[in-house]
């Protein structure tokens, strides 16, 4: 039996997103890169977005206000990115991971390109 496989899209979790969430998402077969793993902590939000775009990653962050502005700026500058997923910070990492997994399983990857989505 051949399964209908979704494309594997790498997600880039900036330093605001817990490594616990990354481990949960990885356990469900998604590729996740964390800022701390690639030594990208401490850089500006704009540099985070550029890093994600350069590597064709979808960026995941809790930094809603700054990344909404960066997305608007990128649209005006015609700067392409793989997408930005925004989520309010939750005290419960497992709840955030559950909501993110639900979103990822329902979303077509091409729909994220140059878009901002809320989880």
PDB file of N, CA and C in Angstrom:
ATOM      1  N   UNK A   1       0.835  -1.173   0.000  1.00  0.00           N
ATOM      2  CA  UNK A   1       0.000   0.000   0.000  1.00  0.00           C
ATOM      3  C   UNK A   1       0.887   1.247   0.000  1.00  0.00           C
ATOM      4  N   UNK A   2       0.610   2.172  -0.883  1.00  0.00           N
ATOM      5  CA  UNK A   2       1.373   3.415  -0.975  1.00  0.00           C
ATOM      6  C   UNK A   2       0.635   4.495  -0.200  1.00  0.00           C
ATOM      7  N   UNK A   3       1.362   5.122   0.692  1.00  0.00           N
ATOM      8  CA  UNK A   3       0.758   6.202   1.462  1.00  0.00           C
ATOM      9  C   UNK A   3       0.919   7.523   0.743  1.00  0.00           C
ATOM     10  N   UNK A   4      -0.023   8.382   0.965  1.00  0.00           N
ATOM     11  CA  UNK A   4       0.037   9.731   0.421  1.00  0.00           C
ATOM     12  C   UNK A   4       0.957  10.551   1.318  1.00  0.00           C
ATOM     13  N   UNK A   5       2.169  10.800   0.881  1.00  0.00           N
ATOM     14  CA  UNK A   5       3.155  11.482   1.721  1.00  0.00           C
ATOM     15  C   UNK A   5       3.144  12.971   1.468  1.00  0.00           C
ATOM     16  N   UNK A   6       3.206  13.715   2.564  1.00  0.00           N
ATOM     17  CA  UNK A   6       3.295  15.169   2.488  1.00  0.00           C
ATOM     18  C   UNK A   6       4.764  15.540   2.326  1.00  0.00           C
ATOM     19  N   UNK A   7       5.047  16.638   1.660  1.00  0.00           N
ATOM     20  CA  UNK A   7       6.440  17.058   1.537  1.00  0.00           C
ATOM     21  C   UNK A   7       7.020  17.383   2.908  1.00  0.00           C
ATOM     22  N   UNK A   8       8.284  17.058   3.076  1.00  0.00           N
ATOM     23  CA  UNK A   8       8.959  17.351   4.335  1.00  0.00           C
ATOM     24  C   UNK A   8       9.477  18.779   4.263  1.00  0.00           C
ATOM     25  N   UNK A   9       8.909  19.617   5.080  1.00  0.00           N
ATOM     26  CA  UNK A   9       9.305  21.019   5.112  1.00  0.00           C
ATOM     27  C   UNK A   9      10.055  21.264   6.401  1.00  0.00           C
ATOM     28  N   UNK A  10      11.220  21.840   6.299  1.00  0.00           N
ATOM     29  CA  UNK A  10      11.934  22.146   7.533  1.00  0.00           C
ATOM     30  C   UNK A  10      11.341  23.381   8.207  1.00  0.00           C
ATOM     31  N   UNK A  11      11.142  23.259   9.488  1.00  0.00           N
ATOM     32  CA  UNK A  11      10.655  24.376  10.286  1.00  0.00           C
ATOM     33  C   UNK A  11      11.806  24.911  11.118  1.00  0.00           C
ATOM     34  N   UNK A  12      11.882  26.214  11.201  1.00  0.00           N
ATOM     35  CA  UNK A  12      12.937  26.876  11.962  1.00  0.00           C
ATOM     36  C   UNK A  12      12.302  27.522  13.181  1.00  0.00           C
ATOM     37  N   UNK A  13      12.643  27.028  14.362  1.00  0.00           N
ATOM     38  CA  UNK A  13      12.129  27.577  15.609  1.00  0.00           C
ATOM     39  C   UNK A  13      13.129  28.601  16.119  1.00  0.00           C
ATOM     40  N   UNK A  14      12.691  29.843  16.239  1.00  0.00           N
ATOM     41  CA  UNK A  14      13.614  30.846  16.769  1.00  0.00           C
ATOM     42  C   UNK A  14      13.823  30.593  18.261  1.00  0.00           C
ATOM     43  N   UNK A  15      14.665  31.399  18.884  1.00  0.00           N
ATOM     44  CA  UNK A  15      15.050  31.126  20.267  1.00  0.00           C
ATOM     45  C   UNK A  15      13.914  31.310  21.269  1.00  0.00           C
ATOM     46  N   UNK A  16      12.779  31.858  20.842  1.00  0.00           N
ATOM     47  CA  UNK A  16      11.624  32.012  21.732  1.00  0.00           C
ATOM     48  C   UNK A  16      10.840  30.710  21.909  1.00  0.00           C
ATOM     49  N   UNK A  17      11.016  29.772  21.003  1.00  0.00           N
ATOM     50  CA  UNK A  17      10.243  28.527  21.044  1.00  0.00           C
ATOM     51  C   UNK A  17      11.050  27.454  21.778  1.00  0.00           C
ATOM     52  N   UNK A  18      10.397  26.783  22.696  1.00  0.00           N
ATOM     53  CA  UNK A  18      11.044  25.779  23.543  1.00  0.00           C
ATOM     54  C   UNK A  18      11.539  24.571  22.747  1.00  0.00           C
ATOM     55  N   UNK A  19      12.699  24.070  23.151  1.00  0.00           N
ATOM     56  CA  UNK A  19      13.247  22.850  22.556  1.00  0.00           C
ATOM     57  C   UNK A  19      12.318  21.664  22.829  1.00  0.00           C
ATOM     58  N   UNK A  20      11.545  21.729  23.905  1.00  0.00           N
ATOM     59  CA  UNK A  20      10.571  20.678  24.219  1.00  0.00           C
ATOM     60  C   UNK A  20       9.559  20.561  23.081  1.00  0.00           C
ATOM     61  N   UNK A  21       9.082  21.684  22.595  1.00  0.00           N
ATOM     62  CA  UNK A  21       8.130  21.686  21.478  1.00  0.00           C
ATOM     63  C   UNK A  21       8.799  21.103  20.234  1.00  0.00           C
ATOM     64  N   UNK A  22      10.030  21.483  19.989  1.00  0.00           N
ATOM     65  CA  UNK A  22      10.763  20.960  18.828  1.00  0.00           C
ATOM     66  C   UNK A  22      10.853  19.436  18.884  1.00  0.00           C
ATOM     67  N   UNK A  23      11.163  18.897  20.044  1.00  0.00           N
ATOM     68  CA  UNK A  23      11.282  17.437  20.185  1.00  0.00           C
ATOM     69  C   UNK A  23       9.953  16.738  19.919  1.00  0.00           C
ATOM     70  N   UNK A  24       8.869  17.325  20.389  1.00  0.00           N
ATOM     71  CA  UNK A  24       7.545  16.731  20.161  1.00  0.00           C
ATOM     72  C   UNK A  24       7.203  16.751  18.673  1.00  0.00           C
ATOM     73  N   UNK A  25       7.443  17.873  18.025  1.00  0.00           N
ATOM     74  CA  UNK A  25       7.124  17.994  16.597  1.00  0.00           C
ATOM     75  C   UNK A  25       7.986  17.029  15.782  1.00  0.00           C
ATOM     76  N   UNK A  26       9.255  16.913  16.139  1.00  0.00           N
ATOM     77  CA  UNK A  26      10.146  15.962  15.450  1.00  0.00           C
ATOM     78  C   UNK A  26       9.648  14.527  15.595  1.00  0.00           C
ATOM     79  N   UNK A  27       9.164  14.194  16.779  1.00  0.00           N
ATOM     80  CA  UNK A  27       8.684  12.830  17.039  1.00  0.00           C
ATOM     81  C   UNK A  27       7.510  12.455  16.133  1.00  0.00           C
ATOM     82  N   UNK A  28       6.863  13.445  15.555  1.00  0.00           N
ATOM     83  CA  UNK A  28       5.752  13.210  14.633  1.00  0.00           C
ATOM     84  C   UNK A  28       6.194  13.287  13.172  1.00  0.00           C
ATOM     85  N   UNK A  29       7.500  13.272  12.942  1.00  0.00           N
ATOM     86  CA  UNK A  29       8.021  13.168  11.585  1.00  0.00           C
ATOM     87  C   UNK A  29       8.326  14.467  10.870  1.00  0.00           C
ATOM     88  N   UNK A  30       8.205  15.580  11.558  1.00  0.00           N
ATOM     89  CA  UNK A  30       8.516  16.866  10.941  1.00  0.00           C
ATOM     90  C   UNK A  30       9.972  17.221  11.204  1.00  0.00           C
ATOM     91  N   UNK A  31      10.583  17.876  10.235  1.00  0.00           N
ATOM     92  CA  UNK A  31      11.963  18.327  10.387  1.00  0.00           C
ATOM     93  C   UNK A  31      11.953  19.700  11.055  1.00  0.00           C
ATOM     94  N   UNK A  32      12.653  19.806  12.177  1.00  0.00           N
ATOM     95  CA  UNK A  32      12.709  21.056  12.929  1.00  0.00           C
ATOM     96  C   UNK A  32      14.160  21.422  13.198  1.00  0.00           C
ATOM     97  N   UNK A  33      14.502  22.658  12.892  1.00  0.00           N
ATOM     98  CA  UNK A  33      15.814  23.222  13.184  1.00  0.00           C
ATOM     99  C   UNK A  33      15.587  24.307  14.235  1.00  0.00           C
ATOM    100  N   UNK A  34      16.378  24.298  15.287  1.00  0.00           N
ATOM    101  CA  UNK A  34      16.256  25.319  16.340  1.00  0.00           C
ATOM    102  C   UNK A  34      17.413  26.307  16.241  1.00  0.00           C
ATOM    103  N   UNK A  35      17.116  27.564  16.518  1.00  0.00           N
ATOM    104  CA  UNK A  35      18.149  28.606  16.469  1.00  0.00           C
ATOM    105  C   UNK A  35      19.352  28.218  17.320  1.00  0.00           C
ATOM    106  N   UNK A  36      19.101  27.635  18.479  1.00  0.00           N
ATOM    107  CA  UNK A  36      20.202  27.263  19.376  1.00  0.00           C
ATOM    108  C   UNK A  36      21.085  26.169  18.785  1.00  0.00           C
ATOM    109  N   UNK A  37      20.531  25.329  17.931  1.00  0.00           N
ATOM    110  CA  UNK A  37      21.288  24.229  17.339  1.00  0.00           C
ATOM    111  C   UNK A  37      22.199  24.687  16.208  1.00  0.00           C
ATOM    112  N   UNK A  38      21.856  25.791  15.591  1.00  0.00           N
ATOM    113  CA  UNK A  38      22.658  26.288  14.472  1.00  0.00           C
ATOM    114  C   UNK A  38      23.360  27.593  14.837  1.00  0.00           C
ATOM    115  N   UNK A  39      23.458  27.837  16.121  1.00  0.00           N
ATOM    116  CA  UNK A  39      24.196  29.004  16.658  1.00  0.00           C
ATOM    117  C   UNK A  39      23.652  30.327  16.133  1.00  0.00           C
ATOM    118  N   UNK A  40      22.328  30.436  16.048  1.00  0.00           N
ATOM    119  CA  UNK A  40      21.707  31.670  15.567  1.00  0.00           C
ATOM    120  C   UNK A  40      20.992  32.435  16.688  1.00  0.00           C
ATOM    121  N   UNK A  41      21.308  32.115  17.928  1.00  0.00           N
ATOM    122  CA  UNK A  41      20.712  32.845  19.056  1.00  0.00           C
ATOM    123  C   UNK A  41      21.371  34.213  19.180  1.00  0.00           C
ATOM    124  N   UNK A  42      20.591  35.175  19.616  1.00  0.00           N
ATOM    125  CA  UNK A  42      21.131  36.507  19.849  1.00  0.00           C
ATOM    126  C   UNK A  42      21.178  37.399  18.625  1.00  0.00           C
ATOM    127  N   UNK A  43      20.761  36.890  17.476  1.00  0.00           N
ATOM    128  CA  UNK A  43      20.746  37.741  16.284  1.00  0.00           C
ATOM    129  C   UNK A  43      19.393  38.454  16.215  1.00  0.00           C
ATOM    130  N   UNK A  44      19.306  39.468  15.392  1.00  0.00           N
ATOM    131  CA  UNK A  44      18.068  40.246  15.298  1.00  0.00           C
ATOM    132  C   UNK A  44      16.951  39.411  14.671  1.00  0.00           C
ATOM    133  N   UNK A  45      15.731  39.867  14.867  1.00  0.00           N
ATOM    134  CA  UNK A  45      14.587  39.187  14.257  1.00  0.00           C
ATOM    135  C   UNK A  45      14.692  39.193  12.737  1.00  0.00           C
ATOM    136  N   UNK A  46      15.144  40.300  12.186  1.00  0.00           N
ATOM    137  CA  UNK A  46      15.314  40.377  10.732  1.00  0.00           C
ATOM    138  C   UNK A  46      16.330  39.342  10.257  1.00  0.00           C
ATOM    139  N   UNK A  47      17.417  39.186  11.000  1.00  0.00           N
ATOM    140  CA  UNK A  47      18.421  38.180  10.636  1.00  0.00           C
ATOM    141  C   UNK A  47      17.849  36.769  10.772  1.00  0.00           C
ATOM    142  N   UNK A  48      16.992  36.559  11.777  1.00  0.00           N
ATOM    143  CA  UNK A  48      16.343  35.246  11.934  1.00  0.00           C
ATOM    144  C   UNK A  48      15.497  34.928  10.694  1.00  0.00           C
ATOM    145  N   UNK A  49      14.710  35.912  10.250  1.00  0.00           N
ATOM    146  CA  UNK A  49      13.857  35.700   9.080  1.00  0.00           C
ATOM    147  C   UNK A  49      14.700  35.478   7.823  1.00  0.00           C
ATOM    148  N   UNK A  50      15.759  36.240   7.668  1.00  0.00           N
ATOM    149  CA  UNK A  50      16.639  36.059   6.504  1.00  0.00           C
ATOM    150  C   UNK A  50      17.286  34.680   6.520  1.00  0.00           C
ATOM    151  N   UNK A  51      17.713  34.223   7.698  1.00  0.00           N
ATOM    152  CA  UNK A  51      18.315  32.897   7.818  1.00  0.00           C
ATOM    153  C   UNK A  51      17.302  31.820   7.404  1.00  0.00           C
ATOM    154  N   UNK A  52      16.085  31.943   7.922  1.00  0.00           N
ATOM    155  CA  UNK A  52      15.041  30.971   7.579  1.00  0.00           C
ATOM    156  C   UNK A  52      14.752  30.998   6.077  1.00  0.00           C
ATOM    157  N   UNK A  53      14.647  32.191   5.506  1.00  0.00           N
ATOM    158  CA  UNK A  53      14.354  32.327   4.075  1.00  0.00           C
ATOM    159  C   UNK A  53      15.473  31.737   3.221  1.00  0.00           C
ATOM    160  N   UNK A  54      16.707  32.040   3.591  1.00  0.00           N
ATOM    161  CA  UNK A  54      17.864  31.545   2.832  1.00  0.00           C
ATOM    162  C   UNK A  54      17.891  30.019   2.788  1.00  0.00           C
ATOM    163  N   UNK A  55      17.415  29.392   3.854  1.00  0.00           N
ATOM    164  CA  UNK A  55      17.443  27.935   3.956  1.00  0.00           C
ATOM    165  C   UNK A  55      16.099  27.276   3.634  1.00  0.00           C
ATOM    166  N   UNK A  56      15.152  28.075   3.135  1.00  0.00           N
ATOM    167  CA  UNK A  56      13.816  27.572   2.775  1.00  0.00           C
ATOM    168  C   UNK A  56      13.079  26.943   3.954  1.00  0.00           C
ATOM    169  N   UNK A  57      13.213  27.555   5.127  1.00  0.00           N
ATOM    170  CA  UNK A  57      12.519  27.099   6.325  1.00  0.00           C
ATOM    171  C   UNK A  57      11.265  27.933   6.551  1.00  0.00           C
ATOM    172  N   UNK A  58      10.290  27.334   7.190  1.00  0.00           N
ATOM    173  CA  UNK A  58       9.138  28.065   7.715  1.00  0.00           C
ATOM    174  C   UNK A  58       9.500  28.441   9.147  1.00  0.00           C
ATOM    175  N   UNK A  59       9.442  29.725   9.460  1.00  0.00           N
ATOM    176  CA  UNK A  59       9.840  30.208  10.780  1.00  0.00           C
ATOM    177  C   UNK A  59       8.675  30.105  11.760  1.00  0.00           C
ATOM    178  N   UNK A  60       8.961  29.617  12.963  1.00  0.00           N
ATOM    179  CA  UNK A  60       7.961  29.516  14.029  1.00  0.00           C
ATOM    180  C   UNK A  60       8.456  30.353  15.201  1.00  0.00           C
ATOM    181  N   UNK A  61       7.588  31.231  15.711  1.00  0.00           N
ATOM    182  CA  UNK A  61       7.995  32.141  16.783  1.00  0.00           C
ATOM    183  C   UNK A  61       6.815  32.536  17.664  1.00  0.00           C
ATOM    184  N   UNK A  62       7.147  33.004  18.861  1.00  0.00           N
ATOM    185  CA  UNK A  62       6.149  33.603  19.755  1.00  0.00           C
ATOM    186  C   UNK A  62       6.211  35.123  19.669  1.00  0.00           C
ATOM    187  N   UNK A  63       7.140  35.643  18.925  1.00  0.00           N
ATOM    188  CA  UNK A  63       7.379  37.086  18.833  1.00  0.00           C
ATOM    189  C   UNK A  63       6.436  37.695  17.785  1.00  0.00           C
ATOM    190  N   UNK A  64       5.193  37.793  18.141  1.00  0.00           N
ATOM    191  CA  UNK A  64       4.144  38.163  17.189  1.00  0.00           C
ATOM    192  C   UNK A  64       4.317  39.570  16.636  1.00  0.00           C
ATOM    193  N   UNK A  65       4.423  40.540  17.496  1.00  0.00           N
ATOM    194  CA  UNK A  65       4.464  41.946  17.058  1.00  0.00           C
ATOM    195  C   UNK A  65       5.612  42.209  16.075  1.00  0.00           C
ATOM    196  N   UNK A  66       6.809  41.780  16.424  1.00  0.00           N
ATOM    197  CA  UNK A  66       7.968  42.073  15.571  1.00  0.00           C
ATOM    198  C   UNK A  66       7.898  41.359  14.225  1.00  0.00           C
ATOM    199  N   UNK A  67       7.408  40.114  14.230  1.00  0.00           N
ATOM    200  CA  UNK A  67       7.389  39.377  12.971  1.00  0.00           C
ATOM    201  C   UNK A  67       6.232  39.782  12.062  1.00  0.00           C
ATOM    202  N   UNK A  68       5.168  40.320  12.616  1.00  0.00           N
ATOM    203  CA  UNK A  68       4.127  40.895  11.755  1.00  0.00           C
ATOM    204  C   UNK A  68       4.717  42.078  10.998  1.00  0.00           C
ATOM    205  N   UNK A  69       5.450  42.917  11.709  1.00  0.00           N
ATOM    206  CA  UNK A  69       6.098  44.072  11.070  1.00  0.00           C
ATOM    207  C   UNK A  69       7.109  43.607  10.021  1.00  0.00           C
ATOM    208  N   UNK A  70       7.925  42.621  10.362  1.00  0.00           N
ATOM    209  CA  UNK A  70       8.910  42.117   9.396  1.00  0.00           C
ATOM    210  C   UNK A  70       8.231  41.539   8.155  1.00  0.00           C
ATOM    211  N   UNK A  71       7.120  40.859   8.349  1.00  0.00           N
ATOM    212  CA  UNK A  71       6.393  40.315   7.194  1.00  0.00           C
ATOM    213  C   UNK A  71       5.891  41.449   6.300  1.00  0.00           C
ATOM    214  N   UNK A  72       5.317  42.479   6.908  1.00  0.00           N
ATOM    215  CA  UNK A  72       4.842  43.627   6.116  1.00  0.00           C
ATOM    216  C   UNK A  72       6.000  44.277   5.371  1.00  0.00           C
ATOM    217  N   UNK A  73       7.127  44.451   6.057  1.00  0.00           N
ATOM    218  CA  UNK A  73       8.314  45.027   5.413  1.00  0.00           C
ATOM    219  C   UNK A  73       8.796  44.145   4.265  1.00  0.00           C
ATOM    220  N   UNK A  74       8.785  42.831   4.473  1.00  0.00           N
ATOM    221  CA  UNK A  74       9.266  41.923   3.422  1.00  0.00           C
ATOM    222  C   UNK A  74       8.357  41.975   2.200  1.00  0.00           C
ATOM    223  N   UNK A  75       7.064  42.157   2.424  1.00  0.00           N
ATOM    224  CA  UNK A  75       6.121  42.277   1.308  1.00  0.00           C
ATOM    225  C   UNK A  75       6.416  43.529   0.496  1.00  0.00           C
ATOM    226  N   UNK A  76       6.655  44.636   1.190  1.00  0.00           N
ATOM    227  CA  UNK A  76       6.966  45.895   0.503  1.00  0.00           C
ATOM    228  C   UNK A  76       8.284  45.817  -0.259  1.00  0.00           C
ATOM    229  N   UNK A  77       9.245  45.077   0.280  1.00  0.00           N
ATOM    230  CA  UNK A  77      10.566  44.963  -0.347  1.00  0.00           C
ATOM    231  C   UNK A  77      10.635  43.803  -1.337  1.00  0.00           C
ATOM    232  N   UNK A  78       9.518  43.090  -1.501  1.00  0.00           N
ATOM    233  CA  UNK A  78       9.466  41.916  -2.367  1.00  0.00           C
ATOM    234  C   UNK A  78      10.508  40.881  -1.965  1.00  0.00           C
ATOM    235  N   UNK A  79      10.671  40.700  -0.660  1.00  0.00           N
ATOM    236  CA  UNK A  79      11.570  39.701  -0.081  1.00  0.00           C
ATOM    237  C   UNK A  79      10.747  38.452   0.213  1.00  0.00           C
ATOM    238  N   UNK A  80      11.117  37.338  -0.383  1.00  0.00           N
ATOM    239  CA  UNK A  80      10.371  36.095  -0.210  1.00  0.00           C
ATOM    240  C   UNK A  80      10.862  35.308   0.995  1.00  0.00           C
ATOM    241  N   UNK A  81       9.920  34.679   1.671  1.00  0.00           N
ATOM    242  CA  UNK A  81      10.268  33.792   2.786  1.00  0.00           C
ATOM    243  C   UNK A  81       9.346  32.576   2.746  1.00  0.00           C
ATOM    244  N   UNK A  82       9.724  31.556   3.475  1.00  0.00           N
ATOM    245  CA  UNK A  82       8.972  30.301   3.448  1.00  0.00           C
ATOM    246  C   UNK A  82       7.691  30.310   4.246  1.00  0.00           C
ATOM    247  N   UNK A  83       7.470  31.375   4.980  1.00  0.00           N
ATOM    248  CA  UNK A  83       6.276  31.494   5.804  1.00  0.00           C
ATOM    249  C   UNK A  83       6.648  31.731   7.255  1.00  0.00           C
ATOM    250  N   UNK A  84       5.708  32.296   7.984  1.00  0.00           N
ATOM    251  CA  UNK A  84       5.910  32.577   9.404  1.00  0.00           C
ATOM    252  C   UNK A  84       4.691  32.054  10.152  1.00  0.00           C
ATOM    253  N   UNK A  85       4.939  31.227  11.151  1.00  0.00           N
ATOM    254  CA  UNK A  85       3.876  30.744  12.025  1.00  0.00           C
ATOM    255  C   UNK A  85       4.044  31.440  13.367  1.00  0.00           C
ATOM    256  N   UNK A  86       3.001  32.149  13.773  1.00  0.00           N
ATOM    257  CA  UNK A  86       3.018  32.908  15.021  1.00  0.00           C
ATOM    258  C   UNK A  86       2.112  32.242  16.049  1.00  0.00           C
ATOM    259  N   UNK A  87       2.560  32.263  17.296  1.00  0.00           N
ATOM    260  CA  UNK A  87       1.736  31.699  18.368  1.00  0.00           C
ATOM    261  C   UNK A  87       2.003  32.446  19.662  1.00  0.00           C
ATOM    262  N   UNK A  88       0.932  32.712  20.390  1.00  0.00           N
ATOM    263  CA  UNK A  88       1.116  33.293  21.722  1.00  0.00           C
ATOM    264  C   UNK A  88       1.882  32.302  22.583  1.00  0.00           C
ATOM    265  N   UNK A  89       2.739  32.837  23.420  1.00  0.00           N
ATOM    266  CA  UNK A  89       3.489  31.972  24.333  1.00  0.00           C
ATOM    267  C   UNK A  89       2.511  31.366  25.336  1.00  0.00           C
ATOM    268  N   UNK A  90       2.637  30.072  25.519  1.00  0.00           N
ATOM    269  CA  UNK A  90       1.791  29.364  26.475  1.00  0.00           C
ATOM    270  C   UNK A  90       2.655  28.786  27.586  1.00  0.00           C
ATOM    271  N   UNK A  91       2.074  28.697  28.748  1.00  0.00           N
ATOM    272  CA  UNK A  91       2.829  28.096  29.853  1.00  0.00           C
ATOM    273  C   UNK A  91       3.018  26.604  29.622  1.00  0.00           C
ATOM    274  N   UNK A  92       2.115  26.017  28.898  1.00  0.00           N
ATOM    275  CA  UNK A  92       2.159  24.580  28.659  1.00  0.00           C
ATOM    276  C   UNK A  92       2.706  24.297  27.255  1.00  0.00           C
ATOM    277  N   UNK A  93       3.963  23.857  27.199  1.00  0.00           N
ATOM    278  CA  UNK A  93       4.587  23.542  25.908  1.00  0.00           C
ATOM    279  C   UNK A  93       3.848  22.427  25.173  1.00  0.00           C
ATOM    280  N   UNK A  94       3.280  21.491  25.919  1.00  0.00           N
ATOM    281  CA  UNK A  94       2.592  20.365  25.297  1.00  0.00           C
ATOM    282  C   UNK A  94       1.319  20.819  24.587  1.00  0.00           C
ATOM    283  N   UNK A  95       0.632  21.789  25.162  1.00  0.00           N
ATOM    284  CA  UNK A  95      -0.564  22.339  24.516  1.00  0.00           C
ATOM    285  C   UNK A  95      -0.176  23.063  23.227  1.00  0.00           C
ATOM    286  N   UNK A  96       0.905  23.835  23.273  1.00  0.00           N
ATOM    287  CA  UNK A  96       1.360  24.514  22.058  1.00  0.00           C
ATOM    288  C   UNK A  96       1.746  23.489  20.997  1.00  0.00           C
ATOM    289  N   UNK A  97       2.473  22.454  21.401  1.00  0.00           N
ATOM    290  CA  UNK A  97       2.876  21.417  20.449  1.00  0.00           C
ATOM    291  C   UNK A  97       1.649  20.742  19.836  1.00  0.00           C
ATOM    292  N   UNK A  98       0.637  20.460  20.643  1.00  0.00           N
ATOM    293  CA  UNK A  98      -0.588  19.835  20.139  1.00  0.00           C
ATOM    294  C   UNK A  98      -1.262  20.729  19.098  1.00  0.00           C
ATOM    295  N   UNK A  99      -1.369  22.015  19.414  1.00  0.00           N
ATOM    296  CA  UNK A  99      -2.015  22.957  18.488  1.00  0.00           C
ATOM    297  C   UNK A  99      -1.206  23.101  17.199  1.00  0.00           C
ATOM    298  N   UNK A 100       0.114  23.152  17.339  1.00  0.00           N
ATOM    299  CA  UNK A 100       0.976  23.274  16.166  1.00  0.00           C
ATOM    300  C   UNK A 100       0.876  22.026  15.289  1.00  0.00           C
ATOM    301  N   UNK A 101       0.894  20.854  15.899  1.00  0.00           N
ATOM    302  CA  UNK A 101       0.755  19.613  15.129  1.00  0.00           C
ATOM    303  C   UNK A 101      -0.570  19.567  14.378  1.00  0.00           C
ATOM    304  N   UNK A 102      -1.621  19.949  15.042  1.00  0.00           N
ATOM    305  CA  UNK A 102      -2.937  19.979  14.399  1.00  0.00           C
ATOM    306  C   UNK A 102      -2.908  20.901  13.179  1.00  0.00           C
ATOM    307  N   UNK A 103      -2.317  22.065  13.355  1.00  0.00           N
ATOM    308  CA  UNK A 103      -2.199  23.028  12.256  1.00  0.00           C
ATOM    309  C   UNK A 103      -1.362  22.450  11.109  1.00  0.00           C
ATOM    310  N   UNK A 104      -0.213  21.872  11.434  1.00  0.00           N
ATOM    311  CA  UNK A 104       0.691  21.356  10.403  1.00  0.00           C
ATOM    312  C   UNK A 104       0.066  20.211   9.615  1.00  0.00           C
ATOM    313  N   UNK A 105      -0.690  19.389  10.281  1.00  0.00           N
ATOM    314  CA  UNK A 105      -1.316  18.253   9.602  1.00  0.00           C
ATOM    315  C   UNK A 105      -2.441  18.685   8.669  1.00  0.00           C
ATOM    316  N   UNK A 106      -3.019  19.850   8.917  1.00  0.00           N
ATOM    317  CA  UNK A 106      -4.135  20.338   8.102  1.00  0.00           C
ATOM    318  C   UNK A 106      -3.713  21.323   7.016  1.00  0.00           C
ATOM    319  N   UNK A 107      -2.457  21.735   7.020  1.00  0.00           N
ATOM    320  CA  UNK A 107      -2.013  22.820   6.150  1.00  0.00           C
ATOM    321  C   UNK A 107      -1.161  22.305   4.998  1.00  0.00           C
ATOM    322  N   UNK A 108      -1.472  22.757   3.807  1.00  0.00           N
ATOM    323  CA  UNK A 108      -0.624  22.459   2.654  1.00  0.00           C
ATOM    324  C   UNK A 108       0.602  23.358   2.724  1.00  0.00           C
ATOM    325  N   UNK A 109       1.745  22.791   2.515  1.00  0.00           N
ATOM    326  CA  UNK A 109       2.994  23.516   2.703  1.00  0.00           C
ATOM    327  C   UNK A 109       3.113  24.707   1.770  1.00  0.00           C
ATOM    328  N   UNK A 110       2.638  24.570   0.544  1.00  0.00           N
ATOM    329  CA  UNK A 110       2.723  25.682  -0.408  1.00  0.00           C
ATOM    330  C   UNK A 110       1.901  26.880   0.044  1.00  0.00           C
ATOM    331  N   UNK A 111       0.906  26.626   0.881  1.00  0.00           N
ATOM    332  CA  UNK A 111       0.063  27.709   1.381  1.00  0.00           C
ATOM    333  C   UNK A 111       0.793  28.612   2.370  1.00  0.00           C
ATOM    334  N   UNK A 112       1.947  28.191   2.860  1.00  0.00           N
ATOM    335  CA  UNK A 112       2.676  28.979   3.857  1.00  0.00           C
ATOM    336  C   UNK A 112       3.649  29.980   3.243  1.00  0.00           C
ATOM    337  N   UNK A 113       4.059  29.754   2.026  1.00  0.00           N
ATOM    338  CA  UNK A 113       5.059  30.611   1.394  1.00  0.00           C
ATOM    339  C   UNK A 113       4.620  32.074   1.397  1.00  0.00           C
ATOM    340  N   UNK A 114       5.465  32.929   1.957  1.00  0.00           N
ATOM    341  CA  UNK A 114       5.231  34.380   2.053  1.00  0.00           C
ATOM    342  C   UNK A 114       3.959  34.735   2.826  1.00  0.00           C
ATOM    343  N   UNK A 115       3.529  33.850   3.697  1.00  0.00           N
ATOM    344  CA  UNK A 115       2.320  34.068   4.489  1.00  0.00           C
ATOM    345  C   UNK A 115       2.643  34.101   5.980  1.00  0.00           C
ATOM    346  N   UNK A 116       1.741  34.694   6.737  1.00  0.00           N
ATOM    347  CA  UNK A 116       1.787  34.637   8.193  1.00  0.00           C
ATOM    348  C   UNK A 116       0.550  33.877   8.635  1.00  0.00           C
ATOM    349  N   UNK A 117       0.751  32.891   9.498  1.00  0.00           N
ATOM    350  CA  UNK A 117      -0.369  32.116  10.037  1.00  0.00           C
ATOM    351  C   UNK A 117      -0.281  32.120  11.557  1.00  0.00           C
ATOM    352  N   UNK A 118      -1.429  32.079  12.189  1.00  0.00           N
ATOM    353  CA  UNK A 118      -1.510  32.069  13.650  1.00  0.00           C
ATOM    354  C   UNK A 118      -1.948  30.695  14.130  1.00  0.00           C
ATOM    355  N   UNK A 119      -1.320  30.241  15.188  1.00  0.00           N
ATOM    356  CA  UNK A 119      -1.679  28.959  15.797  1.00  0.00           C
ATOM    357  C   UNK A 119      -2.138  29.227  17.214  1.00  0.00           C
TER     358      UNK A 119
END
